[in-house]
C-alpha atoms as a PDB file:
ATOM      1  CA  MET A   1     107.579  47.266 122.065  1.00  0.00           C
ATOM      2  CA  GLY A   2     107.253  45.106 119.022  1.00  0.00           C
ATOM      3  CA  SER A   3     109.627  43.463 116.397  1.00  0.00           C
ATOM      4  CA  LEU A   4     110.049  43.752 112.822  1.00  0.00           C
ATOM      5  CA  THR A   5     111.866  40.258 112.657  1.00  0.00           C
ATOM      6  CA  GLN A   6     109.611  37.196 112.197  1.00  0.00           C
ATOM      7  CA  PRO A   7     108.381  35.655 115.234  1.00  0.00           C
ATOM      8  CA  LEU A   8     109.632  32.300 116.271  1.00  0.00           C
ATOM      9  CA  PHE A   9     107.276  29.210 116.215  1.00  0.00           C
ATOM     10  CA  PRO A  10     107.456  25.887 118.053  1.00  0.00           C
ATOM     11  CA  HIS A  11     110.009  23.539 116.624  1.00  0.00           C
ATOM     12  CA  PRO A  12     109.441  19.808 116.649  1.00  0.00           C
ATOM     13  CA  ASN A  13     112.940  18.988 117.747  1.00  0.00           C
ATOM     14  CA  LEU A  14     112.748  21.041 120.960  1.00  0.00           C
ATOM     15  CA  SER A  15     110.963  20.209 124.226  1.00  0.00           C
ATOM     16  CA  ASP A  16     107.564  21.516 125.044  1.00  0.00           C
ATOM     17  CA  GLN A  17     109.079  23.745 127.819  1.00  0.00           C
ATOM     18  CA  VAL A  18     111.500  25.383 125.371  1.00  0.00           C
ATOM     19  CA  ASN A  19     108.863  26.075 122.772  1.00  0.00           C
ATOM     20  CA  HIS A  20     106.580  27.247 125.426  1.00  0.00           C
ATOM     21  CA  ASN A  21     109.371  29.793 126.457  1.00  0.00           C
ATOM     22  CA  ILE A  22     109.944  30.864 122.927  1.00  0.00           C
ATOM     23  CA  VAL A  23     106.209  31.544 122.114  1.00  0.00           C
ATOM     24  CA  GLN A  24     105.809  33.034 125.602  1.00  0.00           C
ATOM     25  CA  SER A  25     108.575  35.602 124.831  1.00  0.00           C
ATOM     26  CA  GLU A  26     106.807  36.623 121.601  1.00  0.00           C
ATOM     27  CA  ILE A  27     103.527  37.195 123.575  1.00  0.00           C
ATOM     28  CA  GLU A  28     105.101  39.037 126.503  1.00  0.00           C
ATOM     29  CA  GLY A  29     106.831  41.304 123.962  1.00  0.00           C
ATOM     30  CA  GLY A  30     110.340  42.681 123.668  1.00  0.00           C
ATOM     31  CA  VAL A  31     112.771  44.027 121.142  1.00  0.00           C
ATOM     32  CA  TYR A  32     115.369  42.384 118.891  1.00  0.00           C
ATOM     33  CA  LEU A  33     118.360  44.724 119.252  1.00  0.00           C
ATOM     34  CA  CYS A  34     119.023  44.612 115.472  1.00  0.00           C
ATOM     35  CA  ASP A  35     115.820  46.135 114.933  1.00  0.00           C
ATOM     36  CA  LEU A  36     116.910  49.421 116.780  1.00  0.00           C
ATOM     37  CA  PRO A  37     119.164  52.392 115.362  1.00  0.00           C
ATOM     38  CA  GLN A  38     122.605  52.682 116.707  1.00  0.00           C
ATOM     39  CA  GLU A  39     122.597  55.073 119.936  1.00  0.00           C
ATOM     40  CA  SER A  40     118.875  54.129 120.748  1.00  0.00           C
ATOM     41  CA  THR A  41     118.400  54.461 124.521  1.00  0.00           C
ATOM     42  CA  LEU A  42     116.449  51.883 126.334  1.00  0.00           C
ATOM     43  CA  GLU A  43     115.012  52.067 129.915  1.00  0.00           C
ATOM     44  CA  VAL A  44     114.690  48.621 131.302  1.00  0.00           C
ATOM     45  CA  GLU A  45     112.881  47.996 134.608  1.00  0.00           C
ATOM     46  CA  THR A  46     113.455  44.576 136.309  1.00  0.00           C
ATOM     47  CA  GLN A  47     112.046  43.345 139.516  1.00  0.00           C
ATOM     48  CA  ASN A  48     115.139  44.794 141.497  1.00  0.00           C
ATOM     49  CA  ARG A  49     116.587  47.740 139.290  1.00  0.00           C
ATOM     50  CA  SER A  50     116.166  50.228 136.586  1.00  0.00           C
ATOM     51  CA  TYR A  51     118.712  50.181 133.915  1.00  0.00           C
ATOM     52  CA  THR A  52     119.667  52.826 131.161  1.00  0.00           C
ATOM     53  CA  ILE A  53     121.098  51.115 128.188  1.00  0.00           C
ATOM     54  CA  VAL A  54     122.547  53.083 124.997  1.00  0.00           C
ATOM     55  CA  LEU A  55     123.078  50.639 122.097  1.00  0.00           C
ATOM     56  CA  PHE A  56     126.030  50.779 119.820  1.00  0.00           C
ATOM     57  CA  GLY A  57     125.584  47.800 117.433  1.00  0.00           C
ATOM     58  CA  SER A  58     126.766  44.211 117.714  1.00  0.00           C
ATOM     59  CA  GLY A  59     125.561  43.855 121.226  1.00  0.00           C
ATOM     60  CA  ALA A  60     127.962  46.798 122.493  1.00  0.00           C
ATOM     61  CA  ALA A  61     126.114  48.978 124.869  1.00  0.00           C
ATOM     62  CA  LEU A  62     126.554  51.401 127.756  1.00  0.00           C
ATOM     63  CA  ILE A  63     124.661  50.316 130.758  1.00  0.00           C
ATOM     64  CA  SER A  64     123.991  51.952 134.109  1.00  0.00           C
ATOM     65  CA  GLY A  65     121.653  51.370 137.074  1.00  0.00           C
ATOM     66  CA  HIS A  66     123.149  48.556 139.403  1.00  0.00           C
ATOM     67  CA  PRO A  67     125.000  49.988 142.513  1.00  0.00           C
ATOM     68  CA  GLN A  68     127.644  47.202 142.128  1.00  0.00           C
ATOM     69  CA  TYR A  69     128.145  46.371 138.641  1.00  0.00           C
ATOM     70  CA  CYS A  70     127.180  49.528 136.809  1.00  0.00           C
ATOM     71  CA  PRO A  71     126.622  52.634 138.964  1.00  0.00           C
ATOM     72  CA  GLU A  72     128.019  54.723 136.162  1.00  0.00           C
ATOM     73  CA  PRO A  73     127.740  53.833 132.597  1.00  0.00           C
ATOM     74  CA  VAL A  74     130.106  50.958 131.585  1.00  0.00           C
ATOM     75  CA  MET A  75     130.579  49.523 128.096  1.00  0.00           C
ATOM     76  CA  VAL A  76     129.352  45.927 128.005  1.00  0.00           C
ATOM     77  CA  LYS A  77     128.385  43.222 125.572  1.00  0.00           C
ATOM     78  CA  ILE A  78     124.570  42.451 125.742  1.00  0.00           C
ATOM     79  CA  GLU A  79     124.159  38.617 125.050  1.00  0.00           C
ATOM     80  CA  GLY A  80     120.477  38.465 125.108  1.00  0.00           C
ATOM     81  CA  CYS A  81     117.799  37.215 127.477  1.00  0.00           C
ATOM     82  CA  ASN A  82     117.201  34.051 129.281  1.00  0.00           C
ATOM     83  CA  TRP A  83     114.357  32.297 130.961  1.00  0.00           C
ATOM     84  CA  GLY A  84     116.362  31.832 134.257  1.00  0.00           C
ATOM     85  CA  GLY A  85     118.270  28.875 132.885  1.00  0.00           C
ATOM     86  CA  SER A  86     121.097  28.432 130.304  1.00  0.00           C
ATOM     87  CA  MET A  87     119.078  28.823 127.146  1.00  0.00           C
ATOM     88  CA  LEU A  88     119.619  32.313 125.782  1.00  0.00           C
ATOM     89  CA  LYS A  89     117.437  34.210 123.217  1.00  0.00           C
ATOM     90  CA  ARG A  90     120.573  36.095 121.468  1.00  0.00           C
ATOM     91  CA  ALA A  91     120.232  39.877 120.943  1.00  0.00           C
ATOM     92  CA  PHE A  92     116.760  40.031 122.399  1.00  0.00           C
ATOM     93  CA  LEU A  93     115.305  41.873 125.406  1.00  0.00           C
ATOM     94  CA  GLY A  94     112.083  40.489 126.434  1.00  0.00           C
ATOM     95  CA  ARG A  95     109.365  41.055 129.240  1.00  0.00           C
ATOM     96  CA  GLY A  96     109.577  38.151 131.806  1.00  0.00           C
ATOM     97  CA  MET A  97     113.108  37.269 130.735  1.00  0.00           C
ATOM     98  CA  HIS A  98     116.480  37.850 132.602  1.00  0.00           C
ATOM     99  CA  LEU A  99     118.811  40.322 130.652  1.00  0.00           C
ATOM    100  CA  GLU A 100     122.322  38.828 130.335  1.00  0.00           C
ATOM    101  CA  PHE A 101     125.402  40.750 129.642  1.00  0.00           C
ATOM    102  CA  ARG A 102     129.260  40.738 129.720  1.00  0.00           C
ATOM    103  CA  HIS A 103     131.009  43.144 131.959  1.00  0.00           C
ATOM    104  CA  PRO A 104     134.701  43.660 131.210  1.00  0.00           C
ATOM    105  CA  GLU A 105     135.739  43.309 135.028  1.00  0.00           C
ATOM    106  CA  TYR A 106     133.948  39.957 135.453  1.00  0.00           C
ATOM    107  CA  GLU A 107     134.634  36.583 133.976  1.00  0.00           C
ATOM    108  CA  GLN A 108     131.093  35.305 134.294  1.00  0.00           C
ATOM    109  CA  PRO A 109     127.888  37.079 132.649  1.00  0.00           C
ATOM    110  CA  ILE A 110     125.843  39.421 134.762  1.00  0.00           C
ATOM    111  CA  ILE A 111     122.212  38.119 134.770  1.00  0.00           C
ATOM    112  CA  THR A 112     119.448  40.495 136.023  1.00  0.00           C
ATOM    113  CA  SER A 113     116.175  39.761 137.890  1.00  0.00           C
ATOM    114  CA  ARG A 114     113.216  39.432 135.513  1.00  0.00           C
ATOM    115  CA  ILE A 115     112.456  42.321 133.101  1.00  0.00           C
ATOM    116  CA  LEU A 116     109.045  43.980 133.821  1.00  0.00           C
ATOM    117  CA  GLU A 117     109.104  46.664 131.280  1.00  0.00           C
ATOM    118  CA  ILE A 118     111.250  47.883 128.251  1.00  0.00           C
ATOM    119  CA  ARG A 119     110.799  51.506 127.116  1.00  0.00           C
ATOM    120  CA  GLN A 120     112.769  53.230 124.203  1.00  0.00           C
ATOM    121  CA  ARG A 121     113.510  56.831 125.028  1.00  0.00           C
ATOM    122  CA  ALA A 122     112.709  59.320 122.354  1.00  0.00           C
ATOM    123  CA  ARG A 123     115.857  60.611 120.809  1.00  0.00           C
ATOM    124  CA  ALA A 124     116.607  64.305 121.400  1.00  0.00           C
ATOM    125  CA  ASP A 125     117.753  65.918 118.165  1.00  0.00           C
END
């Protein structure tokens, strides 16, 4: 899954590790949420779960696939993905990264295991 947005390049004011993570996210592939039409459905496979996400714009999404947090579809705010730390690539879902979203019933963000695959489900018209 590609992106229509310009790729990110190393920045001289960021550490080598941060620049490596940014470039690696472009190599591994992913999708910028702003590049997808509303009501796009994504199937996101992580190391531990398979999620279904329906996008509604501005980070709002219905997500299901976790037995505790979202066994049934629940409206959340997708923040983006991180590399297992606090640095977030906003409004981006990427392979090798951890999905981070805000659930209405939890104060802290929910962070998934590492994303293995992202597929966009074909729209049924």
